[in-house]
N, C-alpha and C. Protein backbone atom coordinates (compact mmCIF):
# COMPACT_ATOMS: atom_id res chain seq x y z
N UNK A 1 150.27 -98.13 120.49
CA UNK A 1 149.82 -99.19 121.32
C UNK A 1 150.35 -100.46 121.76
N UNK A 2 150.44 -101.27 122.76
CA UNK A 2 150.33 -102.43 122.24
C UNK A 2 149.52 -102.72 122.58
N UNK A 3 148.85 -104.23 122.37
CA UNK A 3 147.97 -105.55 123.26
C UNK A 3 147.35 -105.07 124.35
N UNK A 4 146.48 -105.14 125.36
CA UNK A 4 146.14 -105.11 126.17
C UNK A 4 146.54 -106.70 126.60
N UNK A 5 146.05 -108.18 126.13
CA UNK A 5 146.33 -108.57 127.11
C UNK A 5 146.65 -110.10 125.67
N UNK A 6 147.74 -110.62 125.94
CA UNK A 6 147.97 -112.13 124.55
C UNK A 6 148.69 -112.78 125.76
N UNK A 7 148.63 -114.59 125.51
CA UNK A 7 148.90 -115.85 125.84
C UNK A 7 149.08 -116.38 125.07
N UNK A 8 150.73 -116.80 124.84
CA UNK A 8 150.91 -117.00 123.64
C UNK A 8 151.39 -118.71 124.29
N UNK A 9 150.78 -119.13 123.09
CA UNK A 9 151.39 -120.78 122.90
C UNK A 9 152.15 -121.27 123.26
N UNK A 10 153.88 -120.71 123.35
CA UNK A 10 154.30 -120.76 124.12
C UNK A 10 154.25 -120.93 125.42
N UNK A 11 153.69 -120.42 126.16
CA UNK A 11 154.40 -119.92 127.44
C UNK A 11 152.90 -120.42 128.79
N UNK A 12 152.13 -121.07 127.42
CA UNK A 12 150.82 -122.43 127.63
C UNK A 12 151.89 -123.89 127.66
N UNK A 13 152.57 -123.71 127.12
CA UNK A 13 152.79 -124.99 126.89
C UNK A 13 155.28 -125.40 127.73
N UNK A 14 154.65 -124.14 128.54
CA UNK A 14 156.22 -123.78 129.19
C UNK A 14 155.27 -124.15 130.85
N UNK A 15 153.98 -123.71 131.10
CA UNK A 15 153.42 -123.29 132.21
C UNK A 15 153.18 -125.45 132.14
N UNK A 16 152.98 -126.20 131.38
CA UNK A 16 152.42 -127.04 131.00
C UNK A 16 154.06 -128.12 131.35
N UNK A 17 155.11 -128.18 130.69
CA UNK A 17 156.34 -128.26 131.13
C UNK A 17 156.24 -128.31 132.67
N UNK A 18 156.43 -126.83 132.98
CA UNK A 18 156.32 -127.08 134.68
C UNK A 18 155.68 -127.48 135.35
N UNK A 19 154.64 -127.83 135.35
CA UNK A 19 153.38 -128.63 136.07
C UNK A 19 153.57 -130.00 135.65
N UNK A 20 153.39 -130.41 134.35
CA UNK A 20 153.77 -131.29 134.35
C UNK A 20 154.51 -132.92 133.63
N UNK A 21 155.30 -132.15 133.92
CA UNK A 21 156.56 -132.53 132.82
C UNK A 21 156.30 -132.56 132.00
N UNK A 22 155.64 -132.67 130.84
CA UNK A 22 155.89 -132.22 129.02
C UNK A 22 155.00 -130.65 129.42
N UNK A 23 154.98 -131.83 127.28
CA UNK A 23 154.16 -130.23 127.32
C UNK A 23 152.90 -131.22 126.44
N UNK A 24 152.27 -129.78 125.74
CA UNK A 24 150.03 -130.61 125.63
C UNK A 24 150.58 -130.78 124.07
N UNK A 25 150.27 -130.92 123.84
CA UNK A 25 148.96 -132.12 122.50
C UNK A 25 148.42 -131.65 122.11
N UNK A 26 147.74 -130.98 121.02
CA UNK A 26 146.44 -130.12 120.25
C UNK A 26 145.13 -130.71 120.51
N UNK A 27 144.75 -131.91 120.93
CA UNK A 27 143.64 -131.45 121.60
C UNK A 27 143.27 -130.77 123.13
N UNK A 28 144.64 -131.24 123.56
CA UNK A 28 144.75 -130.62 125.27
C UNK A 28 145.09 -128.86 125.05
N UNK A 29 145.51 -128.15 123.99
CA UNK A 29 145.93 -126.56 123.96
C UNK A 29 144.17 -126.91 123.67
N UNK A 30 143.74 -127.65 122.83
CA UNK A 30 141.58 -126.63 122.68
C UNK A 30 141.58 -126.76 123.24
N UNK A 31 142.19 -127.27 124.12
CA UNK A 31 140.70 -127.92 125.70
C UNK A 31 140.94 -126.30 126.94
N UNK A 32 142.17 -126.12 126.60
CA UNK A 32 143.39 -124.99 127.45
C UNK A 32 142.17 -124.09 126.53
N UNK A 33 142.37 -123.77 125.49
CA UNK A 33 142.10 -122.48 124.95
C UNK A 33 140.85 -122.14 124.76
N UNK A 34 139.79 -123.33 125.18
CA UNK A 34 138.58 -123.13 125.33
C UNK A 34 138.01 -122.28 127.22
N UNK A 35 138.66 -123.32 127.48
CA UNK A 35 138.43 -122.52 128.78
C UNK A 35 138.94 -121.81 129.71
N UNK A 36 139.86 -120.84 128.34
CA UNK A 36 141.00 -120.13 129.00
C UNK A 36 139.54 -118.42 128.12
N UNK A 37 139.29 -118.68 127.11
CA UNK A 37 138.09 -117.82 126.97
C UNK A 37 137.15 -117.98 127.09
N UNK A 38 136.15 -119.04 127.75
CA UNK A 38 135.22 -118.84 129.14
C UNK A 38 135.45 -118.78 130.24
N UNK A 39 136.81 -118.00 130.69
CA UNK A 39 137.05 -117.31 132.06
C UNK A 39 137.03 -116.23 131.36
N UNK A 40 137.01 -115.85 130.04
CA UNK A 40 137.42 -114.48 130.11
C UNK A 40 136.19 -113.26 128.93
N UNK A 41 135.14 -114.44 129.56
CA UNK A 41 134.12 -113.70 127.87
C UNK A 41 133.52 -112.59 129.24
N UNK A 42 133.72 -112.16 130.37
CA UNK A 42 132.70 -110.59 130.60
C UNK A 42 134.32 -110.43 131.19
N UNK A 43 135.22 -110.33 129.74
CA UNK A 43 135.93 -108.96 130.00
C UNK A 43 135.74 -107.15 129.66
N UNK A 44 134.66 -107.87 128.62
CA UNK A 44 133.74 -106.73 128.27
C UNK A 44 133.65 -105.13 129.32
N UNK A 45 132.78 -106.24 131.00
CA UNK A 45 132.37 -106.16 131.57
C UNK A 45 133.48 -104.62 132.40
N UNK A 46 134.33 -105.50 132.37
CA UNK A 46 135.89 -105.56 133.13
C UNK A 46 136.66 -104.32 132.53
N UNK A 47 135.80 -103.61 131.00
CA UNK A 47 137.08 -103.19 130.97
C UNK A 47 135.94 -101.51 130.69
N UNK A 48 134.87 -101.69 131.00
CA UNK A 48 134.02 -101.12 131.25
C UNK A 48 133.87 -100.73 132.14
N UNK A 49 134.26 -100.92 133.03
CA UNK A 49 133.93 -100.73 134.57
C UNK A 49 134.99 -99.95 135.04
N UNK A 50 136.14 -100.34 134.82
CA UNK A 50 137.73 -99.81 134.84
C UNK A 50 137.27 -97.81 133.30
N UNK A 51 136.91 -97.62 132.83
CA UNK A 51 137.13 -96.61 131.44
C UNK A 51 135.39 -95.57 133.19
N UNK A 52 134.65 -96.64 133.87
CA UNK A 52 133.66 -95.54 134.18
C UNK A 52 134.40 -95.04 135.63
N UNK A 53 135.15 -95.66 136.10
CA UNK A 53 135.84 -95.37 137.58
C UNK A 53 136.90 -94.09 137.74
N UNK A 54 136.68 -94.09 136.20
CA UNK A 54 138.29 -93.23 135.41
C UNK A 54 137.56 -91.30 135.61
N UNK A 55 136.17 -92.59 135.68
CA UNK A 55 135.31 -90.42 135.47
C UNK A 55 134.96 -90.08 137.27
N UNK A 56 135.22 -90.63 137.59
CA UNK A 56 134.69 -90.40 139.20
C UNK A 56 136.11 -89.22 139.71
């Protein structure tokens, strides 16, 4: 089985290039990573709810 969700640095850099016209430096990448991690903190709750919905 493959991973459920992976965001590659290359994908982030592609989006930065598309949006900002440049690549992010290492400090900016760290900031983006922290924000993404914060946004995904409740991933376990989402998975549990999805698994429970399979029982219905």
